[in-house]
Amino acid sequence: MAGERFGELLRDWRHRRRLSQMELSLDSSISTRHLSFVETGRSRPSRETVVRLAETLEVPLRERNTMLLAAGYAPIYAQRALDSAEMEPVRTAIDRFLRAHEPYPALVMDRRHDMVAANDALAGLTAGCAPELLEPPVNVTRLALHPEGMAPRIANLEEWSAHLIGRLRREAALSGDGALEELRAEVEGYPGVCTEEVTADRAPSEILVALRLRDGDQELAFISTVSTFGTALDITLAELSIEAFYPANAQTAMRLLGEVGV
């Protein structure tokens, strides 16, 4: 039955968010009794209730469609291909950002960390990586931690791998995407990676974890930011992330600026 299937999904997402029925009831302004009936399949939720609960639980748009289908309603969130005519403004915005960020590296990845686009400066980070790791679809996390990828050049591989694996773990928990769990299990098996979170007692002098990359007899250091389209109502757009790297010190900035003659 549709109600039973939806109830199972609702309970799963509530447990993922570590909320009791009472807490979800207060957050969504839906009675605890009705929530209990919905979770057990004794009551079929309205379309509006499904959407409200999904929004309250911060369920990704792709999975919101799944919840609507499970409750017996049509999906409401579209998924357009990035190369479609409707997505031209998005492609233009992404391209402008990537080009404007040069000479510093930047890339765009999807929900499973596959690279969608990148600027020319990214080649400085991926130099020396095995050609097969650079063939589409390029998985950004695999490329970073694979022993034939960037890993041999990363001076602080333990810290950086702990950061990337921690991010994978959080995203898998938030999204419910089993593919991210599979990716995490894969990269955790690579030599030299660390599966423990970076904490203040492990890096007391740092304000954040920087990527420290060997560059001949020198070392380049980068900090990174990850941005998303916060108001996205399209699944493809909602699942895109832009990771931009910035010099963490003057030496790195001078090195990159010097390459373009600035």
C-alpha atoms as a PDB file:
ATOM      1  CA  MET A   1       0.000   0.000   0.000  1.00  0.00           C
ATOM      2  CA  ALA A   2       1.129   3.539  -0.796  1.00  0.00           C
ATOM      3  CA  GLY A   3       0.596   4.760   2.769  1.00  0.00           C
ATOM      4  CA  GLU A   4       2.710   1.981   4.252  1.00  0.00           C
ATOM      5  CA  ARG A   5       5.571   2.628   1.823  1.00  0.00           C
ATOM      6  CA  PHE A   6       5.514   6.348   2.590  1.00  0.00           C
ATOM      7  CA  GLY A   7       5.427   5.626   6.302  1.00  0.00           C
ATOM      8  CA  GLU A   8       8.598   3.549   6.012  1.00  0.00           C
ATOM      9  CA  LEU A   9      10.389   6.346   4.120  1.00  0.00           C
ATOM     10  CA  LEU A  10       9.216   8.951   6.611  1.00  0.00           C
ATOM     11  CA  ARG A  11      10.438   6.918   9.562  1.00  0.00           C
ATOM     12  CA  ASP A  12      13.784   6.328   7.843  1.00  0.00           C
ATOM     13  CA  TRP A  13      14.339  10.044   7.213  1.00  0.00           C
ATOM     14  CA  ARG A  14      13.225  10.941  10.729  1.00  0.00           C
ATOM     15  CA  HIS A  15      15.753   8.495  12.143  1.00  0.00           C
ATOM     16  CA  ARG A  16      18.452   9.877   9.832  1.00  0.00           C
ATOM     17  CA  ARG A  17      17.789  13.339  11.255  1.00  0.00           C
ATOM     18  CA  ARG A  18      17.724  11.882  14.761  1.00  0.00           C
ATOM     19  CA  LEU A  19      14.318  13.304  15.561  1.00  0.00           C
ATOM     20  CA  SER A  20      11.579  11.831  17.702  1.00  0.00           C
ATOM     21  CA  GLN A  21       7.969  11.924  16.522  1.00  0.00           C
ATOM     22  CA  MET A  22       7.348  14.664  19.072  1.00  0.00           C
ATOM     23  CA  GLU A  23      10.215  16.797  17.732  1.00  0.00           C
ATOM     24  CA  LEU A  24       9.111  16.344  14.128  1.00  0.00           C
ATOM     25  CA  SER A  25       5.560  17.140  15.155  1.00  0.00           C
ATOM     26  CA  LEU A  26       6.644  20.441  16.713  1.00  0.00           C
ATOM     27  CA  ASP A  27       8.900  21.362  13.789  1.00  0.00           C
ATOM     28  CA  SER A  28       6.288  20.596  11.135  1.00  0.00           C
ATOM     29  CA  SER A  29       3.157  21.708  13.037  1.00  0.00           C
ATOM     30  CA  ILE A  30       1.585  18.282  12.440  1.00  0.00           C
ATOM     31  CA  SER A  31       0.077  16.435  15.385  1.00  0.00           C
ATOM     32  CA  THR A  32       2.009  13.569  16.912  1.00  0.00           C
ATOM     33  CA  ARG A  33      -1.066  11.334  16.586  1.00  0.00           C
ATOM     34  CA  HIS A  34      -1.347  12.002  12.857  1.00  0.00           C
ATOM     35  CA  LEU A  35       2.407  11.432  12.381  1.00  0.00           C
ATOM     36  CA  SER A  36       2.102   8.106  14.159  1.00  0.00           C
ATOM     37  CA  PHE A  37      -0.795   7.078  11.928  1.00  0.00           C
ATOM     38  CA  VAL A  38       1.114   8.133   8.811  1.00  0.00           C
ATOM     39  CA  GLU A  39       4.270   6.240   9.809  1.00  0.00           C
ATOM     40  CA  THR A  40       2.353   3.038  10.494  1.00  0.00           C
ATOM     41  CA  GLY A  41       0.325   3.316   7.278  1.00  0.00           C
ATOM     42  CA  ARG A  42      -2.994   3.755   9.115  1.00  0.00           C
ATOM     43  CA  SER A  43      -3.475   7.164   7.537  1.00  0.00           C
ATOM     44  CA  ARG A  44      -2.616   8.429   4.048  1.00  0.00           C
ATOM     45  CA  PRO A  45      -1.011  11.899   4.121  1.00  0.00           C
ATOM     46  CA  SER A  46      -2.165  14.704   1.873  1.00  0.00           C
ATOM     47  CA  ARG A  47       0.168  15.959  -0.829  1.00  0.00           C
ATOM     48  CA  GLU A  48       0.737  19.134   1.202  1.00  0.00           C
ATOM     49  CA  THR A  49       1.650  17.077   4.269  1.00  0.00           C
ATOM     50  CA  VAL A  50       4.205  15.069   2.307  1.00  0.00           C
ATOM     51  CA  VAL A  51       5.846  18.258   1.035  1.00  0.00           C
ATOM     52  CA  ARG A  52       5.832  19.877   4.478  1.00  0.00           C
ATOM     53  CA  LEU A  53       7.402  16.852   6.140  1.00  0.00           C
ATOM     54  CA  ALA A  54      10.040  16.547   3.412  1.00  0.00           C
ATOM     55  CA  GLU A  55      10.918  20.228   3.756  1.00  0.00           C
ATOM     56  CA  THR A  56      11.089  19.975   7.550  1.00  0.00           C
ATOM     57  CA  LEU A  57      13.387  16.961   7.319  1.00  0.00           C
ATOM     58  CA  GLU A  58      15.496  18.687   4.637  1.00  0.00           C
ATOM     59  CA  VAL A  59      15.095  15.737   2.311  1.00  0.00           C
ATOM     60  CA  PRO A  60      16.934  16.219  -1.017  1.00  0.00           C
ATOM     61  CA  LEU A  61      14.677  17.056  -3.978  1.00  0.00           C
ATOM     62  CA  ARG A  62      15.307  13.706  -5.694  1.00  0.00           C
ATOM     63  CA  GLU A  63      14.138  11.830  -2.602  1.00  0.00           C
ATOM     64  CA  ARG A  64      11.174  14.189  -2.138  1.00  0.00           C
ATOM     65  CA  ASN A  65       9.879  12.942  -5.479  1.00  0.00           C
ATOM     66  CA  THR A  66      10.314   9.385  -4.204  1.00  0.00           C
ATOM     67  CA  MET A  67       8.294  10.233  -1.097  1.00  0.00           C
ATOM     68  CA  LEU A  68       5.515  11.764  -3.199  1.00  0.00           C
ATOM     69  CA  LEU A  69       5.354   8.667  -5.395  1.00  0.00           C
ATOM     70  CA  ALA A  70       5.289   6.423  -2.332  1.00  0.00           C
ATOM     71  CA  ALA A  71       2.321   8.380  -1.007  1.00  0.00           C
ATOM     72  CA  GLY A  72       0.485   8.048  -4.325  1.00  0.00           C
ATOM     73  CA  TYR A  73       1.187  11.490  -5.810  1.00  0.00           C
ATOM     74  CA  ALA A  74       3.003  12.666  -8.925  1.00  0.00           C
ATOM     75  CA  PRO A  75       6.530  14.077  -8.524  1.00  0.00           C
ATOM     76  CA  ILE A  76       6.727  17.871  -8.521  1.00  0.00           C
ATOM     77  CA  TYR A  77      10.480  18.483  -8.910  1.00  0.00           C
ATOM     78  CA  ALA A  78      11.859  18.436 -12.451  1.00  0.00           C
ATOM     79  CA  GLN A  79      15.264  17.161 -13.500  1.00  0.00           C
ATOM     80  CA  ARG A  80      16.699  18.873 -16.543  1.00  0.00           C
ATOM     81  CA  ALA A  81      19.941  17.907 -18.242  1.00  0.00           C
ATOM     82  CA  LEU A  82      22.662  20.476 -17.679  1.00  0.00           C
ATOM     83  CA  ASP A  83      23.168  20.773 -21.436  1.00  0.00           C
ATOM     84  CA  SER A  84      19.480  21.528 -22.091  1.00  0.00           C
ATOM     85  CA  ALA A  85      18.340  24.912 -23.407  1.00  0.00           C
ATOM     86  CA  GLU A  86      16.531  25.674 -20.150  1.00  0.00           C
ATOM     87  CA  MET A  87      19.780  25.364 -18.194  1.00  0.00           C
ATOM     88  CA  GLU A  88      21.734  27.822 -20.358  1.00  0.00           C
ATOM     89  CA  PRO A  89      21.645  30.592 -17.683  1.00  0.00           C
ATOM     90  CA  VAL A  90      23.072  28.097 -15.175  1.00  0.00           C
ATOM     91  CA  ARG A  91      25.845  27.008 -17.546  1.00  0.00           C
ATOM     92  CA  THR A  92      26.679  30.646 -18.239  1.00  0.00           C
ATOM     93  CA  ALA A  93      26.846  31.488 -14.533  1.00  0.00           C
ATOM     94  CA  ILE A  94      29.058  28.479 -13.817  1.00  0.00           C
ATOM     95  CA  ASP A  95      31.400  29.279 -16.697  1.00  0.00           C
ATOM     96  CA  ARG A  96      31.727  32.904 -15.616  1.00  0.00           C
ATOM     97  CA  PHE A  97      32.603  31.888 -12.082  1.00  0.00           C
ATOM     98  CA  LEU A  98      35.159  29.298 -13.180  1.00  0.00           C
ATOM     99  CA  ARG A  99      36.891  31.732 -15.532  1.00  0.00           C
ATOM    100  CA  ALA A 100      36.786  34.625 -13.080  1.00  0.00           C
ATOM    101  CA  HIS A 101      38.406  32.442 -10.414  1.00  0.00           C
ATOM    102  CA  GLU A 102      41.516  31.798 -12.494  1.00  0.00           C
ATOM    103  CA  PRO A 103      44.446  31.578 -11.936  1.00  0.00           C
ATOM    104  CA  TYR A 104      43.138  29.682  -8.911  1.00  0.00           C
ATOM    105  CA  PRO A 105      41.603  26.199  -9.364  1.00  0.00           C
ATOM    106  CA  ALA A 106      37.852  25.614  -9.250  1.00  0.00           C
ATOM    107  CA  LEU A 107      35.518  22.800 -10.251  1.00  0.00           C
ATOM    108  CA  VAL A 108      31.871  21.784 -10.303  1.00  0.00           C
ATOM    109  CA  MET A 109      30.762  18.324  -9.166  1.00  0.00           C
ATOM    110  CA  ASP A 110      27.478  16.471  -8.873  1.00  0.00           C
ATOM    111  CA  ARG A 111      25.972  14.680  -5.861  1.00  0.00           C
ATOM    112  CA  ARG A 112      28.277  11.682  -6.295  1.00  0.00           C
ATOM    113  CA  HIS A 113      31.408  13.833  -6.623  1.00  0.00           C
ATOM    114  CA  ASP A 114      31.719  13.348 -10.381  1.00  0.00           C
ATOM    115  CA  MET A 115      33.254  16.388 -12.058  1.00  0.00           C
ATOM    116  CA  VAL A 116      30.874  18.363 -14.259  1.00  0.00           C
ATOM    117  CA  ALA A 117      33.150  21.273 -15.178  1.00  0.00           C
ATOM    118  CA  ALA A 118      36.457  22.844 -14.177  1.00  0.00           C
ATOM    119  CA  ASN A 119      38.682  25.758 -15.095  1.00  0.00           C
ATOM    120  CA  ASP A 120      42.113  25.451 -16.701  1.00  0.00           C
ATOM    121  CA  ALA A 121      43.876  26.130 -13.389  1.00  0.00           C
ATOM    122  CA  LEU A 122      42.744  22.773 -12.015  1.00  0.00           C
ATOM    123  CA  ALA A 123      45.388  21.108 -14.191  1.00  0.00           C
ATOM    124  CA  GLY A 124      47.990  22.381 -11.718  1.00  0.00           C
ATOM    125  CA  LEU A 125      46.435  20.233  -8.992  1.00  0.00           C
ATOM    126  CA  THR A 126      45.997  17.112 -11.105  1.00  0.00           C
ATOM    127  CA  ALA A 127      49.412  17.106 -12.789  1.00  0.00           C
ATOM    128  CA  GLY A 128      50.988  13.645 -12.689  1.00  0.00           C
ATOM    129  CA  CYS A 129      47.729  11.766 -12.100  1.00  0.00           C
ATOM    130  CA  ALA A 130      47.150   8.516 -13.996  1.00  0.00           C
ATOM    131  CA  PRO A 131      45.366   9.204 -17.320  1.00  0.00           C
ATOM    132  CA  GLU A 132      42.577   6.720 -16.556  1.00  0.00           C
ATOM    133  CA  LEU A 133      41.628   8.701 -13.445  1.00  0.00           C
ATOM    134  CA  LEU A 134      41.224  11.809 -15.614  1.00  0.00           C
ATOM    135  CA  GLU A 135      38.843  10.186 -18.093  1.00  0.00           C
ATOM    136  CA  PRO A 136      35.168  11.209 -17.751  1.00  0.00           C
ATOM    137  CA  PRO A 137      33.395  10.829 -15.493  1.00  0.00           C
ATOM    138  CA  VAL A 138      36.190  12.033 -13.214  1.00  0.00           C
ATOM    139  CA  ASN A 139      35.358  11.353  -9.587  1.00  0.00           C
ATOM    140  CA  VAL A 140      36.872  14.207  -7.593  1.00  0.00           C
ATOM    141  CA  THR A 141      37.325  12.316  -4.312  1.00  0.00           C
ATOM    142  CA  ARG A 142      38.748   9.217  -5.984  1.00  0.00           C
ATOM    143  CA  LEU A 143      41.165  11.406  -7.974  1.00  0.00           C
ATOM    144  CA  ALA A 144      42.338  13.156  -4.812  1.00  0.00           C
ATOM    145  CA  LEU A 145      42.979  10.062  -2.686  1.00  0.00           C
ATOM    146  CA  HIS A 146      43.896   7.341  -5.185  1.00  0.00           C
ATOM    147  CA  PRO A 147      47.556   6.231  -4.957  1.00  0.00           C
ATOM    148  CA  GLU A 148      47.907   6.995  -8.681  1.00  0.00           C
ATOM    149  CA  GLY A 149      46.029  10.256  -8.344  1.00  0.00           C
ATOM    150  CA  MET A 150      46.899  13.350  -6.306  1.00  0.00           C
ATOM    151  CA  ALA A 151      47.707  11.434  -3.101  1.00  0.00           C
ATOM    152  CA  PRO A 152      51.492  11.114  -3.676  1.00  0.00           C
ATOM    153  CA  ARG A 153      51.740  14.914  -3.985  1.00  0.00           C
ATOM    154  CA  ILE A 154      49.620  15.723  -0.928  1.00  0.00           C
ATOM    155  CA  ALA A 155      52.018  16.560   1.894  1.00  0.00           C
ATOM    156  CA  ASN A 156      49.308  16.340   4.570  1.00  0.00           C
ATOM    157  CA  LEU A 157      47.486  13.324   3.184  1.00  0.00           C
ATOM    158  CA  GLU A 158      46.344  12.169   6.614  1.00  0.00           C
ATOM    159  CA  GLU A 159      44.594  15.436   7.424  1.00  0.00           C
ATOM    160  CA  TRP A 160      43.226  16.061   3.925  1.00  0.00           C
ATOM    161  CA  SER A 161      41.910  12.516   3.524  1.00  0.00           C
ATOM    162  CA  ALA A 162      40.217  12.718   6.936  1.00  0.00           C
ATOM    163  CA  HIS A 163      38.545  15.933   5.781  1.00  0.00           C
ATOM    164  CA  LEU A 164      37.327  14.416   2.485  1.00  0.00           C
ATOM    165  CA  ILE A 165      36.133  11.176   4.064  1.00  0.00           C
ATOM    166  CA  GLY A 166      34.352  13.092   6.808  1.00  0.00           C
ATOM    167  CA  ARG A 167      32.572  15.120   4.144  1.00  0.00           C
ATOM    168  CA  LEU A 168      31.587  11.930   2.321  1.00  0.00           C
ATOM    169  CA  ARG A 169      30.246  10.444   5.539  1.00  0.00           C
ATOM    170  CA  ARG A 170      28.118  13.512   6.295  1.00  0.00           C
ATOM    171  CA  GLU A 171      26.768  13.786   2.747  1.00  0.00           C
ATOM    172  CA  ALA A 172      25.872  10.089   2.675  1.00  0.00           C
ATOM    173  CA  ALA A 173      23.966  10.465   5.939  1.00  0.00           C
ATOM    174  CA  LEU A 174      22.140  13.587   4.779  1.00  0.00           C
ATOM    175  CA  SER A 175      21.259  12.324   1.304  1.00  0.00           C
ATOM    176  CA  GLY A 176      20.709   8.621   1.933  1.00  0.00           C
ATOM    177  CA  ASP A 177      22.682   7.917  -1.242  1.00  0.00           C
ATOM    178  CA  GLY A 178      24.192   4.429  -1.088  1.00  0.00           C
ATOM    179  CA  ALA A 179      26.653   5.282  -3.877  1.00  0.00           C
ATOM    180  CA  LEU A 180      28.381   7.755  -1.561  1.00  0.00           C
ATOM    181  CA  GLU A 181      28.745   5.039   1.074  1.00  0.00           C
ATOM    182  CA  GLU A 182      30.299   2.773  -1.563  1.00  0.00           C
ATOM    183  CA  LEU A 183      32.708   5.543  -2.569  1.00  0.00           C
ATOM    184  CA  ARG A 184      33.631   6.139   1.073  1.00  0.00           C
ATOM    185  CA  ALA A 185      34.332   2.432   1.597  1.00  0.00           C
ATOM    186  CA  GLU A 186      36.505   2.410  -1.529  1.00  0.00           C
ATOM    187  CA  VAL A 187      38.674   5.406  -0.675  1.00  0.00           C
ATOM    188  CA  GLU A 188      39.052   4.317   2.942  1.00  0.00           C
ATOM    189  CA  GLY A 189      40.920   1.312   1.575  1.00  0.00           C
ATOM    190  CA  TYR A 190      43.540   3.428  -0.177  1.00  0.00           C
ATOM    191  CA  PRO A 191      47.017   3.536   1.413  1.00  0.00           C
ATOM    192  CA  GLY A 192      47.814   6.480   3.650  1.00  0.00           C
ATOM    193  CA  VAL A 193      44.266   7.772   4.128  1.00  0.00           C
ATOM    194  CA  CYS A 194      42.837   8.547   7.565  1.00  0.00           C
ATOM    195  CA  THR A 195      39.242   7.711   8.469  1.00  0.00           C
ATOM    196  CA  GLU A 196      39.103   9.778  11.667  1.00  0.00           C
ATOM    197  CA  GLU A 197      37.726  13.299  11.777  1.00  0.00           C
ATOM    198  CA  VAL A 198      40.232  16.143  12.085  1.00  0.00           C
ATOM    199  CA  THR A 199      39.803  17.704  15.525  1.00  0.00           C
ATOM    200  CA  ALA A 200      41.335  20.679  17.291  1.00  0.00           C
ATOM    201  CA  ASP A 201      43.613  18.471  19.398  1.00  0.00           C
ATOM    202  CA  ARG A 202      45.071  16.932  16.236  1.00  0.00           C
ATOM    203  CA  ALA A 203      45.748  20.271  14.516  1.00  0.00           C
ATOM    204  CA  PRO A 204      45.861  22.840  17.353  1.00  0.00           C
ATOM    205  CA  SER A 205      47.689  25.539  15.385  1.00  0.00           C
ATOM    206  CA  GLU A 206      45.353  25.486  12.376  1.00  0.00           C
ATOM    207  CA  ILE A 207      42.156  27.464  11.831  1.00  0.00           C
ATOM    208  CA  LEU A 208      41.109  25.061   9.070  1.00  0.00           C
ATOM    209  CA  VAL A 209      42.459  22.132   7.084  1.00  0.00           C
ATOM    210  CA  ALA A 210      44.468  23.254   4.062  1.00  0.00           C
ATOM    211  CA  LEU A 211      45.443  21.175   1.048  1.00  0.00           C
ATOM    212  CA  ARG A 212      49.253  21.103   1.017  1.00  0.00           C
ATOM    213  CA  LEU A 213      50.578  19.994  -2.338  1.00  0.00           C
ATOM    214  CA  ARG A 214      54.175  19.171  -3.189  1.00  0.00           C
ATOM    215  CA  ASP A 215      55.427  21.197  -6.152  1.00  0.00           C
ATOM    216  CA  GLY A 216      58.993  20.156  -6.920  1.00  0.00           C
ATOM    217  CA  ASP A 217      61.108  21.253  -3.964  1.00  0.00           C
ATOM    218  CA  GLN A 218      58.375  23.657  -2.831  1.00  0.00           C
ATOM    219  CA  GLU A 219      54.914  23.295  -1.355  1.00  0.00           C
ATOM    220  CA  LEU A 220      51.653  24.931  -2.403  1.00  0.00           C
ATOM    221  CA  ALA A 221      48.904  25.444   0.151  1.00  0.00           C
ATOM    222  CA  PHE A 222      45.204  25.946  -0.596  1.00  0.00           C
ATOM    223  CA  ILE A 223      42.025  26.514   1.357  1.00  0.00           C
ATOM    224  CA  SER A 224      38.738  25.617  -0.282  1.00  0.00           C
ATOM    225  CA  THR A 225      35.097  26.649  -0.171  1.00  0.00           C
ATOM    226  CA  VAL A 226      32.084  24.664  -1.373  1.00  0.00           C
ATOM    227  CA  SER A 227      29.031  26.526  -2.690  1.00  0.00           C
ATOM    228  CA  THR A 228      25.603  25.315  -3.794  1.00  0.00           C
ATOM    229  CA  PHE A 229      22.563  26.852  -5.481  1.00  0.00           C
ATOM    230  CA  GLY A 230      20.524  27.464  -2.354  1.00  0.00           C
ATOM    231  CA  THR A 231      17.185  28.254  -4.039  1.00  0.00           C
ATOM    232  CA  ALA A 232      17.277  25.446  -6.591  1.00  0.00           C
ATOM    233  CA  LEU A 233      13.967  23.758  -7.464  1.00  0.00           C
ATOM    234  CA  ASP A 234      15.489  21.550 -10.159  1.00  0.00           C
ATOM    235  CA  ILE A 235      17.089  18.263  -9.080  1.00  0.00           C
ATOM    236  CA  THR A 236      20.166  18.602 -11.288  1.00  0.00           C
ATOM    237  CA  LEU A 237      20.830  22.131 -10.085  1.00  0.00           C
ATOM    238  CA  ALA A 238      20.213  21.279  -6.431  1.00  0.00           C
ATOM    239  CA  GLU A 239      22.808  18.500  -6.615  1.00  0.00           C
ATOM    240  CA  LEU A 240      25.634  20.641  -8.037  1.00  0.00           C
ATOM    241  CA  SER A 241      28.463  21.914  -5.830  1.00  0.00           C
ATOM    242  CA  ILE A 242      31.183  24.397  -6.754  1.00  0.00           C
ATOM    243  CA  GLU A 243      34.516  23.894  -5.008  1.00  0.00           C
ATOM    244  CA  ALA A 244      36.906  26.822  -5.270  1.00  0.00           C
ATOM    245  CA  PHE A 245      40.519  26.774  -4.095  1.00  0.00           C
ATOM    246  CA  TYR A 246      42.315  29.871  -2.794  1.00  0.00           C
ATOM    247  CA  PRO A 247      45.979  30.381  -1.900  1.00  0.00           C
ATOM    248  CA  ALA A 248      46.573  29.787   1.795  1.00  0.00           C
ATOM    249  CA  ASN A 249      49.783  31.806   1.815  1.00  0.00           C
ATOM    250  CA  ALA A 250      51.663  34.459  -0.155  1.00  0.00           C
ATOM    251  CA  GLN A 251      54.078  31.955  -1.678  1.00  0.00           C
ATOM    252  CA  THR A 252      51.260  29.995  -3.315  1.00  0.00           C
ATOM    253  CA  ALA A 253      49.578  33.162  -4.558  1.00  0.00           C
ATOM    254  CA  MET A 254      52.798  34.455  -6.085  1.00  0.00           C
ATOM    255  CA  ARG A 255      53.445  31.102  -7.749  1.00  0.00           C
ATOM    256  CA  LEU A 256      50.016  30.964  -9.405  1.00  0.00           C
ATOM    257  CA  LEU A 257      49.927  34.633 -10.345  1.00  0.00           C
ATOM    258  CA  GLY A 258      53.389  34.314 -11.836  1.00  0.00           C
ATOM    259  CA  GLU A 259      52.219  31.535 -14.155  1.00  0.00           C
ATOM    260  CA  VAL A 260      49.814  33.930 -15.863  1.00  0.00           C
ATOM    261  CA  GLY A 261      52.158  36.898 -15.798  1.00  0.00           C
ATOM    262  CA  VAL A 262      50.151  38.971 -13.347  1.00  0.00           C
END
